[in-house]
Amino acid sequence: MKSEFIDNRSGRGNTASMTMENKSIVQRALAGLIGTGDVDALAQFLSDDFVHHRPGSTTSTKGEWLAAVRAALVPLVGMQVEIHQVLADGEHVVVYSRRWLFDAGPEIAVVDIWRIEDGLIAEGWEIIEPVAQAAANLVWWESARR
């Protein structure tokens, strides 16, 4: 069975093989970064006009985001990343991971959404939640009922 859908932005049809290739691009990019700590291993998978988004309307260009990743890795020697899920559909790849430092800081759960264009990561969104706060965040809507 062949899977196909229409990308509303471009109007082009995307096949299951494109989905798998996009998933592979993200997996290779993360493997290089996680495996070696080398930000340049990740940089080669990003388009020149890459944009990274975080909640609160915060965006970064490719250069800004790579600089932030480099700066974050310096104090994070010994950071462990455990990837739990990598899901893909057409041009989007979603990665759910948990990250923690040896002997410091909270464990965090992270959801990254990557958009692939022309074989490169063109856009990324990141949501980070401290695992210790997850239970409280599950009931945030209950205060509105009171």
Protein backbone atom coordinates (compact mmCIF):
# COMPACT_ATOMS: atom_id res chain seq x y z
CA MET A 1 0.00 0.00 0.00
CA LYS A 2 1.40 3.39 -1.00
CA SER A 3 0.86 6.29 1.41
CA GLU A 4 0.43 9.75 -0.08
CA PHE A 5 -0.87 13.10 1.06
CA ILE A 6 -0.82 16.65 -0.25
CA ASP A 7 1.39 19.21 1.45
CA ASN A 8 -0.87 22.23 1.87
CA ARG A 9 2.04 24.65 1.66
CA SER A 10 3.49 23.46 -1.61
CA GLY A 11 0.67 21.45 -3.17
CA ARG A 12 3.17 18.67 -3.97
CA GLY A 13 2.44 15.04 -3.24
CA ASN A 14 4.73 13.33 -0.73
CA THR A 15 5.28 9.58 -0.65
CA ALA A 16 6.06 7.18 2.16
CA SER A 17 9.64 6.95 0.88
CA MET A 18 10.03 10.72 1.32
CA THR A 19 8.73 10.36 4.89
CA MET A 20 11.30 7.66 5.63
CA GLU A 21 14.11 9.71 4.06
CA ASN A 22 13.16 12.74 6.16
CA LYS A 23 13.12 10.59 9.29
CA SER A 24 16.58 9.30 8.35
CA ILE A 25 17.90 12.86 7.90
CA VAL A 26 16.83 13.81 11.42
CA GLN A 27 18.15 10.57 12.91
CA ARG A 28 21.56 11.07 11.26
CA ALA A 29 21.71 14.71 12.40
CA LEU A 30 20.92 13.81 16.01
CA ALA A 31 23.21 10.77 16.03
CA GLY A 32 26.13 12.98 15.01
CA LEU A 33 25.39 15.55 17.72
CA ILE A 34 24.53 13.09 20.49
CA GLY A 35 27.25 10.62 19.60
CA THR A 36 30.12 13.08 19.36
CA GLY A 37 28.95 16.38 20.88
CA ASP A 38 30.09 17.95 17.61
CA VAL A 39 27.71 20.78 16.68
CA ASP A 40 29.16 20.85 13.16
CA ALA A 41 27.87 17.30 12.71
CA LEU A 42 24.39 18.77 13.18
CA ALA A 43 25.04 21.98 11.23
CA GLN A 44 25.57 20.16 7.94
CA PHE A 45 21.95 18.94 8.08
CA LEU A 46 20.46 22.45 8.49
CA SER A 47 19.44 24.69 5.60
CA ASP A 48 21.06 28.12 5.39
CA ASP A 49 17.73 29.78 6.22
CA PHE A 50 16.94 27.40 9.12
CA VAL A 51 14.68 28.87 11.82
CA HIS A 52 14.28 27.47 15.34
CA HIS A 53 11.16 28.23 17.41
CA ARG A 54 10.46 28.01 21.13
CA PRO A 55 7.31 28.90 23.08
CA GLY A 56 6.70 32.59 23.64
CA SER A 57 7.41 33.59 20.04
CA THR A 58 11.17 33.12 20.46
CA THR A 59 12.91 32.36 17.17
CA SER A 60 16.55 31.92 16.22
CA THR A 61 18.42 31.86 12.93
CA LYS A 62 20.71 28.98 12.06
CA GLY A 63 23.79 30.81 13.36
CA GLU A 64 22.08 31.95 16.56
CA TRP A 65 20.71 28.50 17.32
CA LEU A 66 23.99 26.70 16.62
CA ALA A 67 25.80 29.18 18.88
CA ALA A 68 23.26 28.48 21.63
CA VAL A 69 23.71 24.72 21.19
CA ARG A 70 27.51 25.11 21.37
CA ALA A 71 27.24 27.25 24.53
CA ALA A 72 24.83 24.79 26.14
CA LEU A 73 27.11 21.84 25.47
CA VAL A 74 30.09 23.35 27.31
CA PRO A 75 28.57 23.09 30.80
CA LEU A 76 26.61 20.00 29.84
CA VAL A 77 29.52 17.61 29.69
CA GLY A 78 28.04 14.27 30.57
CA MET A 79 24.56 15.10 29.31
CA GLN A 80 22.60 11.97 28.57
CA VAL A 81 19.96 11.91 25.85
CA GLU A 82 17.52 9.05 25.55
CA ILE A 83 15.38 9.14 22.41
CA HIS A 84 12.05 7.41 22.97
CA GLN A 85 10.17 8.08 19.73
CA VAL A 86 10.91 9.31 16.22
CA LEU A 87 7.75 9.75 14.16
CA ALA A 88 7.52 11.12 10.64
CA ASP A 89 4.82 12.17 8.23
CA GLY A 90 5.84 13.79 4.96
CA GLU A 91 8.03 16.81 5.62
CA HIS A 92 7.66 16.70 9.42
CA VAL A 93 9.61 14.58 11.89
CA VAL A 94 8.77 14.53 15.62
CA VAL A 95 11.30 13.40 18.23
CA TYR A 96 10.43 12.73 21.87
CA SER A 97 13.45 12.47 24.17
CA ARG A 98 14.43 12.67 27.81
CA ARG A 99 17.63 14.40 28.85
CA TRP A 100 19.55 14.71 32.10
CA LEU A 101 22.95 15.60 33.51
CA PHE A 102 25.04 13.48 35.78
CA ASP A 103 24.66 14.83 39.34
CA ALA A 104 23.04 18.14 38.34
CA GLY A 105 19.80 19.67 37.18
CA PRO A 106 16.37 18.23 36.59
CA GLU A 107 15.54 15.55 34.06
CA ILE A 108 13.65 17.10 31.16
CA ALA A 109 11.25 15.75 28.56
CA VAL A 110 11.67 17.33 25.12
CA VAL A 111 9.54 17.27 22.00
CA ASP A 112 11.22 18.51 18.83
CA ILE A 113 9.32 18.96 15.58
CA TRP A 114 11.50 19.26 12.49
CA ARG A 115 10.42 20.34 9.00
CA ILE A 116 12.52 19.02 6.12
CA GLU A 117 12.82 20.84 2.82
CA ASP A 118 15.04 19.81 -0.09
CA GLY A 119 16.87 17.22 2.03
CA LEU A 120 17.77 19.62 4.86
CA ILE A 121 16.19 20.60 8.16
CA ALA A 122 14.55 23.95 7.41
CA GLU A 123 12.65 24.60 10.61
CA GLY A 124 12.45 23.29 14.17
CA TRP A 125 10.15 23.71 17.14
CA GLU A 126 11.12 22.65 20.67
CA ILE A 127 9.04 22.15 23.82
CA ILE A 128 10.88 21.38 27.08
CA GLU A 129 9.25 20.27 30.33
CA PRO A 130 11.01 19.35 33.57
CA VAL A 131 9.86 15.80 34.31
CA ALA A 132 9.28 16.68 37.98
CA GLN A 133 6.63 19.23 36.90
CA ALA A 134 4.78 16.90 34.53
CA ALA A 135 2.10 15.86 37.04
CA ALA A 136 1.25 19.47 37.87
CA ASN A 137 1.04 20.34 34.18
CA LEU A 138 -1.41 17.50 33.56
CA VAL A 139 -4.08 19.31 35.57
CA TRP A 140 -3.51 22.94 34.60
CA TRP A 141 -7.08 23.25 33.27
CA GLU A 142 -8.67 22.18 36.59
CA SER A 143 -8.08 25.62 38.13
CA ALA A 144 -10.39 27.11 35.47
CA ARG A 145 -13.27 24.91 36.68
CA ARG A 146 -13.14 26.25 40.26
